[in-house]
Amino acid sequence: MAKIIGFNQLKEMFSKHVAGEARCLSCHHTWAAVAKDVQDWLECPECHKNMGRLINHVEKTGEMHWTCSCGNDLFYIQPDKIYCPNCGETQDGF
């Protein structure tokens, strides 16, 4: 008999994974990676070292994210300020 998996269980199984382009900081190999949640280091399929990183925008699902009033959600962080590279607005409230 087939095992029945409920929608909520299926959603839980797949919602904690991220996918994107990764690059090895050791051998510079790039590949399409799928990782459980957002892991710090990924194993490189070329040199097999744990030196791979996701290199593009990654957003963890189910967590609050800061968004500028212009709609941008990526920011530059400097020792004295955090600002939006899209409109230049300094961000407050952290």
PDB file of N, CA and C in Angstrom:
ATOM      1  N   MET A   1       0.837  -1.179   0.000  1.00  0.00           N
ATOM      2  CA  MET A   1       0.000   0.000   0.000  1.00  0.00           C
ATOM      3  C   MET A   1       0.884   1.245   0.000  1.00  0.00           C
ATOM      4  N   ALA A   2       0.505   2.251  -0.761  1.00  0.00           N
ATOM      5  CA  ALA A   2       1.284   3.486  -0.879  1.00  0.00           C
ATOM      6  C   ALA A   2       1.202   4.295   0.408  1.00  0.00           C
ATOM      7  N   LYS A   3       2.312   4.912   0.746  1.00  0.00           N
ATOM      8  CA  LYS A   3       2.349   5.772   1.920  1.00  0.00           C
ATOM      9  C   LYS A   3       1.793   7.142   1.539  1.00  0.00           C
ATOM     10  N   ILE A   4       0.888   7.654   2.325  1.00  0.00           N
ATOM     11  CA  ILE A   4       0.282   8.957   2.058  1.00  0.00           C
ATOM     12  C   ILE A   4       0.992  10.005   2.903  1.00  0.00           C
ATOM     13  N   ILE A   5       1.477  11.042   2.234  1.00  0.00           N
ATOM     14  CA  ILE A   5       2.147  12.140   2.930  1.00  0.00           C
ATOM     15  C   ILE A   5       1.259  13.364   2.819  1.00  0.00           C
ATOM     16  N   GLY A   6       0.898  13.930   3.954  1.00  0.00           N
ATOM     17  CA  GLY A   6       0.049  15.111   3.983  1.00  0.00           C
ATOM     18  C   GLY A   6       0.767  16.340   3.443  1.00  0.00           C
ATOM     19  N   PHE A   7       0.001  17.321   2.984  1.00  0.00           N
ATOM     20  CA  PHE A   7       0.561  18.533   2.408  1.00  0.00           C
ATOM     21  C   PHE A   7       1.461  19.254   3.403  1.00  0.00           C
ATOM     22  N   ASN A   8       1.043  19.390   4.652  1.00  0.00           N
ATOM     23  CA  ASN A   8       1.847  20.095   5.653  1.00  0.00           C
ATOM     24  C   ASN A   8       3.173  19.400   5.902  1.00  0.00           C
ATOM     25  N   GLN A   9       3.159  18.077   5.914  1.00  0.00           N
ATOM     26  CA  GLN A   9       4.396  17.323   6.106  1.00  0.00           C
ATOM     27  C   GLN A   9       5.319  17.508   4.899  1.00  0.00           C
ATOM     28  N   LEU A  10       4.749  17.485   3.710  1.00  0.00           N
ATOM     29  CA  LEU A  10       5.529  17.670   2.493  1.00  0.00           C
ATOM     30  C   LEU A  10       6.120  19.084   2.451  1.00  0.00           C
ATOM     31  N   LYS A  11       5.325  20.075   2.819  1.00  0.00           N
ATOM     32  CA  LYS A  11       5.791  21.457   2.860  1.00  0.00           C
ATOM     33  C   LYS A  11       6.941  21.600   3.846  1.00  0.00           C
ATOM     34  N   GLU A  12       6.826  20.978   4.996  1.00  0.00           N
ATOM     35  CA  GLU A  12       7.888  21.019   6.006  1.00  0.00           C
ATOM     36  C   GLU A  12       9.164  20.368   5.496  1.00  0.00           C
ATOM     37  N   MET A  13       9.038  19.284   4.752  1.00  0.00           N
ATOM     38  CA  MET A  13      10.201  18.567   4.231  1.00  0.00           C
ATOM     39  C   MET A  13      10.983  19.420   3.237  1.00  0.00           C
ATOM     40  N   PHE A  14      10.293  20.214   2.425  1.00  0.00           N
ATOM     41  CA  PHE A  14      10.956  20.950   1.364  1.00  0.00           C
ATOM     42  C   PHE A  14      11.178  22.432   1.661  1.00  0.00           C
ATOM     43  N   SER A  15      10.590  22.964   2.712  1.00  0.00           N
ATOM     44  CA  SER A  15      10.706  24.392   2.966  1.00  0.00           C
ATOM     45  C   SER A  15      12.022  24.785   3.618  1.00  0.00           C
ATOM     46  N   LYS A  16      12.794  23.843   4.079  1.00  0.00           N
ATOM     47  CA  LYS A  16      14.039  24.174   4.761  1.00  0.00           C
ATOM     48  C   LYS A  16      15.248  23.927   3.882  1.00  0.00           C
ATOM     49  N   HIS A  17      15.079  24.048   2.592  1.00  0.00           N
ATOM     50  CA  HIS A  17      16.182  23.890   1.659  1.00  0.00           C
ATOM     51  C   HIS A  17      16.305  25.159   0.820  1.00  0.00           C
ATOM     52  N   VAL A  18      17.529  25.458   0.439  1.00  0.00           N
ATOM     53  CA  VAL A  18      17.783  26.576  -0.457  1.00  0.00           C
ATOM     54  C   VAL A  18      18.564  26.058  -1.655  1.00  0.00           C
ATOM     55  N   ALA A  19      18.431  26.724  -2.763  1.00  0.00           N
ATOM     56  CA  ALA A  19      19.152  26.336  -3.968  1.00  0.00           C
ATOM     57  C   ALA A  19      19.761  27.579  -4.583  1.00  0.00           C
ATOM     58  N   GLY A  20      20.894  27.404  -5.213  1.00  0.00           N
ATOM     59  CA  GLY A  20      21.536  28.528  -5.871  1.00  0.00           C
ATOM     60  C   GLY A  20      22.924  28.166  -6.352  1.00  0.00           C
ATOM     61  N   GLU A  21      23.580  29.149  -6.931  1.00  0.00           N
ATOM     62  CA  GLU A  21      24.928  28.941  -7.430  1.00  0.00           C
ATOM     63  C   GLU A  21      25.908  28.973  -6.256  1.00  0.00           C
ATOM     64  N   ALA A  22      26.855  28.043  -6.273  1.00  0.00           N
ATOM     65  CA  ALA A  22      27.866  27.966  -5.217  1.00  0.00           C
ATOM     66  C   ALA A  22      29.251  28.016  -5.846  1.00  0.00           C
ATOM     67  N   ARG A  23      30.204  28.460  -5.053  1.00  0.00           N
ATOM     68  CA  ARG A  23      31.600  28.514  -5.511  1.00  0.00           C
ATOM     69  C   ARG A  23      32.498  28.023  -4.386  1.00  0.00           C
ATOM     70  N   CYS A  24      33.480  27.220  -4.765  1.00  0.00           N
ATOM     71  CA  CYS A  24      34.466  26.725  -3.809  1.00  0.00           C
ATOM     72  C   CYS A  24      35.542  27.792  -3.616  1.00  0.00           C
ATOM     73  N   LEU A  25      35.807  28.146  -2.367  1.00  0.00           N
ATOM     74  CA  LEU A  25      36.833  29.142  -2.086  1.00  0.00           C
ATOM     75  C   LEU A  25      38.233  28.556  -2.177  1.00  0.00           C
ATOM     76  N   SER A  26      38.332  27.237  -2.304  1.00  0.00           N
ATOM     77  CA  SER A  26      39.638  26.593  -2.427  1.00  0.00           C
ATOM     78  C   SER A  26      40.045  26.429  -3.892  1.00  0.00           C
ATOM     79  N   CYS A  27      39.209  25.741  -4.693  1.00  0.00           N
ATOM     80  CA  CYS A  27      39.579  25.459  -6.091  1.00  0.00           C
ATOM     81  C   CYS A  27      38.824  26.329  -7.100  1.00  0.00           C
ATOM     82  N   HIS A  28      37.887  27.161  -6.644  1.00  0.00           N
ATOM     83  CA  HIS A  28      37.112  28.100  -7.457  1.00  0.00           C
ATOM     84  C   HIS A  28      36.115  27.430  -8.409  1.00  0.00           C
ATOM     85  N   HIS A  29      35.817  26.166  -8.183  1.00  0.00           N
ATOM     86  CA  HIS A  29      34.800  25.467  -8.975  1.00  0.00           C
ATOM     87  C   HIS A  29      33.431  26.059  -8.638  1.00  0.00           C
ATOM     88  N   THR A  30      32.554  26.221  -9.643  1.00  0.00           N
ATOM     89  CA  THR A  30      31.184  26.681  -9.400  1.00  0.00           C
ATOM     90  C   THR A  30      30.215  25.585  -9.800  1.00  0.00           C
ATOM     91  N   TRP A  31      29.083  25.494  -9.099  1.00  0.00           N
ATOM     92  CA  TRP A  31      28.079  24.483  -9.378  1.00  0.00           C
ATOM     93  C   TRP A  31      26.728  24.929  -8.841  1.00  0.00           C
ATOM     94  N   ALA A  32      25.682  24.272  -9.305  1.00  0.00           N
ATOM     95  CA  ALA A  32      24.330  24.502  -8.789  1.00  0.00           C
ATOM     96  C   ALA A  32      24.188  23.660  -7.538  1.00  0.00           C
ATOM     97  N   ALA A  33      23.893  24.304  -6.411  1.00  0.00           N
ATOM     98  CA  ALA A  33      23.862  23.606  -5.128  1.00  0.00           C
ATOM     99  C   ALA A  33      22.472  23.639  -4.517  1.00  0.00           C
ATOM    100  N   VAL A  34      22.152  22.608  -3.790  1.00  0.00           N
ATOM    101  CA  VAL A  34      20.965  22.547  -2.944  1.00  0.00           C
ATOM    102  C   VAL A  34      21.456  22.218  -1.554  1.00  0.00           C
ATOM    103  N   ALA A  35      21.050  23.025  -0.581  1.00  0.00           N
ATOM    104  CA  ALA A  35      21.531  22.833   0.787  1.00  0.00           C
ATOM    105  C   ALA A  35      20.352  22.826   1.748  1.00  0.00           C
ATOM    106  N   LYS A  36      20.478  22.052   2.786  1.00  0.00           N
ATOM    107  CA  LYS A  36      19.457  22.036   3.821  1.00  0.00           C
ATOM    108  C   LYS A  36      19.599  23.323   4.628  1.00  0.00           C
ATOM    109  N   ASP A  37      18.541  24.133   4.622  1.00  0.00           N
ATOM    110  CA  ASP A  37      18.544  25.446   5.252  1.00  0.00           C
ATOM    111  C   ASP A  37      19.713  26.243   4.680  1.00  0.00           C
ATOM    112  N   VAL A  38      20.301  27.130   5.415  1.00  0.00           N
ATOM    113  CA  VAL A  38      21.454  27.891   4.937  1.00  0.00           C
ATOM    114  C   VAL A  38      22.667  27.412   5.720  1.00  0.00           C
ATOM    115  N   GLN A  39      23.405  26.533   5.104  1.00  0.00           N
ATOM    116  CA  GLN A  39      24.594  25.997   5.746  1.00  0.00           C
ATOM    117  C   GLN A  39      25.748  26.968   5.532  1.00  0.00           C
ATOM    118  N   ASP A  40      26.671  26.988   6.473  1.00  0.00           N
ATOM    119  CA  ASP A  40      27.832  27.860   6.323  1.00  0.00           C
ATOM    120  C   ASP A  40      28.744  27.381   5.205  1.00  0.00           C
ATOM    121  N   TRP A  41      29.032  26.106   5.166  1.00  0.00           N
ATOM    122  CA  TRP A  41      29.976  25.566   4.190  1.00  0.00           C
ATOM    123  C   TRP A  41      29.371  24.380   3.465  1.00  0.00           C
ATOM    124  N   LEU A  42      29.653  24.287   2.173  1.00  0.00           N
ATOM    125  CA  LEU A  42      29.174  23.182   1.346  1.00  0.00           C
ATOM    126  C   LEU A  42      30.372  22.393   0.847  1.00  0.00           C
ATOM    127  N   GLU A  43      30.182  21.100   0.669  1.00  0.00           N
ATOM    128  CA  GLU A  43      31.257  20.282   0.115  1.00  0.00           C
ATOM    129  C   GLU A  43      31.348  20.503  -1.387  1.00  0.00           C
ATOM    130  N   CYS A  44      32.531  20.819  -1.859  1.00  0.00           N
ATOM    131  CA  CYS A  44      32.761  21.043  -3.280  1.00  0.00           C
ATOM    132  C   CYS A  44      32.757  19.697  -4.004  1.00  0.00           C
ATOM    133  N   PRO A  45      31.981  19.561  -5.089  1.00  0.00           N
ATOM    134  CA  PRO A  45      31.962  18.291  -5.818  1.00  0.00           C
ATOM    135  C   PRO A  45      33.248  18.040  -6.612  1.00  0.00           C
ATOM    136  N   GLU A  46      34.078  19.068  -6.764  1.00  0.00           N
ATOM    137  CA  GLU A  46      35.316  18.926  -7.526  1.00  0.00           C
ATOM    138  C   GLU A  46      36.478  18.490  -6.637  1.00  0.00           C
ATOM    139  N   CYS A  47      36.774  19.261  -5.575  1.00  0.00           N
ATOM    140  CA  CYS A  47      37.926  18.958  -4.719  1.00  0.00           C
ATOM    141  C   CYS A  47      37.526  18.286  -3.404  1.00  0.00           C
ATOM    142  N   HIS A  48      36.227  18.220  -3.120  1.00  0.00           N
ATOM    143  CA  HIS A  48      35.658  17.557  -1.943  1.00  0.00           C
ATOM    144  C   HIS A  48      36.028  18.215  -0.613  1.00  0.00           C
ATOM    145  N   LYS A  49      36.481  19.449  -0.664  1.00  0.00           N
ATOM    146  CA  LYS A  49      36.730  20.192   0.573  1.00  0.00           C
ATOM    147  C   LYS A  49      35.445  20.903   0.978  1.00  0.00           C
ATOM    148  N   ASN A  50      35.266  21.138   2.261  1.00  0.00           N
ATOM    149  CA  ASN A  50      34.107  21.879   2.761  1.00  0.00           C
ATOM    150  C   ASN A  50      34.392  23.369   2.696  1.00  0.00           C
ATOM    151  N   MET A  51      34.583  23.864   1.475  1.00  0.00           N
ATOM    152  CA  MET A  51      34.935  25.269   1.264  1.00  0.00           C
ATOM    153  C   MET A  51      33.959  25.955   0.313  1.00  0.00           C
ATOM    154  N   GLY A  52      32.799  25.351   0.041  1.00  0.00           N
ATOM    155  CA  GLY A  52      31.821  25.929  -0.862  1.00  0.00           C
ATOM    156  C   GLY A  52      30.903  26.898  -0.158  1.00  0.00           C
ATOM    157  N   ARG A  53      30.544  27.975  -0.856  1.00  0.00           N
ATOM    158  CA  ARG A  53      29.606  28.969  -0.339  1.00  0.00           C
ATOM    159  C   ARG A  53      28.575  29.298  -1.404  1.00  0.00           C
ATOM    160  N   LEU A  54      27.335  29.541  -0.986  1.00  0.00           N
ATOM    161  CA  LEU A  54      26.332  30.076  -1.898  1.00  0.00           C
ATOM    162  C   LEU A  54      26.736  31.515  -2.201  1.00  0.00           C
ATOM    163  N   ILE A  55      26.716  31.907  -3.484  1.00  0.00           N
ATOM    164  CA  ILE A  55      27.281  33.203  -3.848  1.00  0.00           C
ATOM    165  C   ILE A  55      26.248  34.255  -4.237  1.00  0.00           C
ATOM    166  N   ASN A  56      25.001  33.906  -4.283  1.00  0.00           N
ATOM    167  CA  ASN A  56      23.970  34.886  -4.625  1.00  0.00           C
ATOM    168  C   ASN A  56      23.038  35.084  -3.444  1.00  0.00           C
ATOM    169  N   HIS A  57      22.069  35.909  -3.648  1.00  0.00           N
ATOM    170  CA  HIS A  57      21.101  36.232  -2.603  1.00  0.00           C
ATOM    171  C   HIS A  57      20.405  34.975  -2.087  1.00  0.00           C
ATOM    172  N   VAL A  58      20.454  34.770  -0.786  1.00  0.00           N
ATOM    173  CA  VAL A  58      19.789  33.634  -0.143  1.00  0.00           C
ATOM    174  C   VAL A  58      18.890  34.192   0.947  1.00  0.00           C
ATOM    175  N   GLU A  59      17.649  33.755   0.955  1.00  0.00           N
ATOM    176  CA  GLU A  59      16.711  34.222   1.958  1.00  0.00           C
ATOM    177  C   GLU A  59      16.125  33.026   2.685  1.00  0.00           C
ATOM    178  N   LYS A  60      16.285  32.988   3.994  1.00  0.00           N
ATOM    179  CA  LYS A  60      15.726  31.901   4.784  1.00  0.00           C
ATOM    180  C   LYS A  60      14.210  32.092   4.867  1.00  0.00           C
ATOM    181  N   THR A  61      13.483  31.028   4.614  1.00  0.00           N
ATOM    182  CA  THR A  61      12.031  31.119   4.677  1.00  0.00           C
ATOM    183  C   THR A  61      11.573  31.118   6.131  1.00  0.00           C
ATOM    184  N   GLY A  62      10.477  31.788   6.389  1.00  0.00           N
ATOM    185  CA  GLY A  62       9.886  31.795   7.720  1.00  0.00           C
ATOM    186  C   GLY A  62      10.544  32.752   8.694  1.00  0.00           C
ATOM    187  N   GLU A  63      11.442  33.628   8.232  1.00  0.00           N
ATOM    188  CA  GLU A  63      12.095  34.578   9.116  1.00  0.00           C
ATOM    189  C   GLU A  63      11.784  35.999   8.663  1.00  0.00           C
ATOM    190  N   MET A  64      11.803  36.939   9.611  1.00  0.00           N
ATOM    191  CA  MET A  64      11.576  38.344   9.287  1.00  0.00           C
ATOM    192  C   MET A  64      12.766  38.904   8.525  1.00  0.00           C
ATOM    193  N   HIS A  65      12.508  39.740   7.539  1.00  0.00           N
ATOM    194  CA  HIS A  65      13.559  40.368   6.765  1.00  0.00           C
ATOM    195  C   HIS A  65      13.334  41.871   6.704  1.00  0.00           C
ATOM    196  N   TRP A  66      14.408  42.618   6.787  1.00  0.00           N
ATOM    197  CA  TRP A  66      14.358  44.069   6.717  1.00  0.00           C
ATOM    198  C   TRP A  66      14.274  44.487   5.258  1.00  0.00           C
ATOM    199  N   THR A  67      13.366  45.399   4.934  1.00  0.00           N
ATOM    200  CA  THR A  67      13.218  45.919   3.576  1.00  0.00           C
ATOM    201  C   THR A  67      13.184  47.442   3.646  1.00  0.00           C
ATOM    202  N   CYS A  68      13.935  48.074   2.771  1.00  0.00           N
ATOM    203  CA  CYS A  68      13.955  49.534   2.690  1.00  0.00           C
ATOM    204  C   CYS A  68      12.603  50.034   2.160  1.00  0.00           C
ATOM    205  N   SER A  69      12.298  51.303   2.413  1.00  0.00           N
ATOM    206  CA  SER A  69      11.043  51.872   1.911  1.00  0.00           C
ATOM    207  C   SER A  69      10.996  51.904   0.387  1.00  0.00           C
ATOM    208  N   CYS A  70      12.160  51.805  -0.286  1.00  0.00           N
ATOM    209  CA  CYS A  70      12.180  51.774  -1.752  1.00  0.00           C
ATOM    210  C   CYS A  70      11.933  50.364  -2.285  1.00  0.00           C
ATOM    211  N   GLY A  71      11.863  49.361  -1.395  1.00  0.00           N
ATOM    212  CA  GLY A  71      11.586  47.987  -1.798  1.00  0.00           C
ATOM    213  C   GLY A  71      12.813  47.091  -1.853  1.00  0.00           C
ATOM    214  N   ASN A  72      14.007  47.651  -1.758  1.00  0.00           N
ATOM    215  CA  ASN A  72      15.239  46.872  -1.794  1.00  0.00           C
ATOM    216  C   ASN A  72      15.431  46.118  -0.476  1.00  0.00           C
ATOM    217  N   ASP A  73      15.955  44.888  -0.558  1.00  0.00           N
ATOM    218  CA  ASP A  73      16.190  44.122   0.668  1.00  0.00           C
ATOM    219  C   ASP A  73      17.656  43.703   0.846  1.00  0.00           C
ATOM    220  N   LEU A  74      18.551  44.308   0.076  1.00  0.00           N
ATOM    221  CA  LEU A  74      19.984  44.077   0.244  1.00  0.00           C
ATOM    222  C   LEU A  74      20.621  45.388   0.692  1.00  0.00           C
ATOM    223  N   PHE A  75      21.559  45.314   1.644  1.00  0.00           N
ATOM    224  CA  PHE A  75      22.118  46.517   2.237  1.00  0.00           C
ATOM    225  C   PHE A  75      23.634  46.447   2.300  1.00  0.00           C
ATOM    226  N   TYR A  76      24.256  47.626   2.327  1.00  0.00           N
ATOM    227  CA  TYR A  76      25.685  47.745   2.586  1.00  0.00           C
ATOM    228  C   TYR A  76      25.849  48.037   4.074  1.00  0.00           C
ATOM    229  N   ILE A  77      26.778  47.348   4.694  1.00  0.00           N
ATOM    230  CA  ILE A  77      27.014  47.528   6.121  1.00  0.00           C
ATOM    231  C   ILE A  77      28.426  48.070   6.306  1.00  0.00           C
ATOM    232  N   GLN A  78      28.514  49.216   6.978  1.00  0.00           N
ATOM    233  CA  GLN A  78      29.788  49.826   7.322  1.00  0.00           C
ATOM    234  C   GLN A  78      29.852  49.948   8.841  1.00  0.00           C
ATOM    235  N   PRO A  79      31.037  50.176   9.405  1.00  0.00           N
ATOM    236  CA  PRO A  79      31.139  50.251  10.870  1.00  0.00           C
ATOM    237  C   PRO A  79      30.224  51.281  11.512  1.00  0.00           C
ATOM    238  N   ASP A  80      29.933  52.391  10.799  1.00  0.00           N
ATOM    239  CA  ASP A  80      29.131  53.446  11.401  1.00  0.00           C
ATOM    240  C   ASP A  80      27.700  53.541  10.867  1.00  0.00           C
ATOM    241  N   LYS A  81      27.365  52.746   9.851  1.00  0.00           N
ATOM    242  CA  LYS A  81      26.000  52.835   9.316  1.00  0.00           C
ATOM    243  C   LYS A  81      25.652  51.632   8.455  1.00  0.00           C
ATOM    244  N   ILE A  82      24.359  51.464   8.265  1.00  0.00           N
ATOM    245  CA  ILE A  82      23.807  50.481   7.331  1.00  0.00           C
ATOM    246  C   ILE A  82      22.947  51.285   6.370  1.00  0.00           C
ATOM    247  N   TYR A  83      23.198  51.118   5.057  1.00  0.00           N
ATOM    248  CA  TYR A  83      22.437  51.919   4.116  1.00  0.00           C
ATOM    249  C   TYR A  83      22.039  51.106   2.886  1.00  0.00           C
ATOM    250  N   CYS A  84      21.014  51.593   2.217  1.00  0.00           N
ATOM    251  CA  CYS A  84      20.478  50.955   1.023  1.00  0.00           C
ATOM    252  C   CYS A  84      21.289  51.411  -0.193  1.00  0.00           C
ATOM    253  N   PRO A  85      21.887  50.481  -0.957  1.00  0.00           N
ATOM    254  CA  PRO A  85      22.644  50.879  -2.131  1.00  0.00           C
ATOM    255  C   PRO A  85      21.757  51.314  -3.288  1.00  0.00           C
ATOM    256  N   ASN A  86      20.468  51.067  -3.179  1.00  0.00           N
ATOM    257  CA  ASN A  86      19.539  51.453  -4.235  1.00  0.00           C
ATOM    258  C   ASN A  86      19.169  52.938  -4.139  1.00  0.00           C
ATOM    259  N   CYS A  87      18.805  53.402  -2.933  1.00  0.00           N
ATOM    260  CA  CYS A  87      18.374  54.789  -2.785  1.00  0.00           C
ATOM    261  C   CYS A  87      19.284  55.605  -1.868  1.00  0.00           C
ATOM    262  N   GLY A  88      20.212  54.965  -1.150  1.00  0.00           N
ATOM    263  CA  GLY A  88      21.132  55.674  -0.272  1.00  0.00           C
ATOM    264  C   GLY A  88      20.609  55.951   1.111  1.00  0.00           C
ATOM    265  N   GLU A  89      19.386  55.567   1.402  1.00  0.00           N
ATOM    266  CA  GLU A  89      18.767  55.835   2.703  1.00  0.00           C
ATOM    267  C   GLU A  89      19.490  55.046   3.803  1.00  0.00           C
ATOM    268  N   THR A  90      19.863  55.772   4.889  1.00  0.00           N
ATOM    269  CA  THR A  90      20.451  55.116   6.054  1.00  0.00           C
ATOM    270  C   THR A  90      19.349  54.394   6.810  1.00  0.00           C
ATOM    271  N   GLN A  91      19.616  53.170   7.224  1.00  0.00           N
ATOM    272  CA  GLN A  91      18.609  52.360   7.892  1.00  0.00           C
ATOM    273  C   GLN A  91      18.731  52.490   9.407  1.00  0.00           C
ATOM    274  N   ASP A  92      17.605  52.651  10.078  1.00  0.00           N
ATOM    275  CA  ASP A  92      17.540  52.753  11.540  1.00  0.00           C
ATOM    276  C   ASP A  92      16.636  51.659  12.075  1.00  0.00           C
ATOM    277  N   GLY A  93      16.730  51.422  13.358  1.00  0.00           N
ATOM    278  CA  GLY A  93      15.805  50.490  13.986  1.00  0.00           C
ATOM    279  C   GLY A  93      16.352  49.106  14.244  1.00  0.00           C
ATOM    280  N   PHE A  94      17.642  48.913  14.109  1.00  0.00           N
ATOM    281  CA  PHE A  94      18.217  47.597  14.364  1.00  0.00           C
ATOM    282  C   PHE A  94      18.489  47.422  15.829  1.00  0.00           C
TER     283      PHE A  94
END
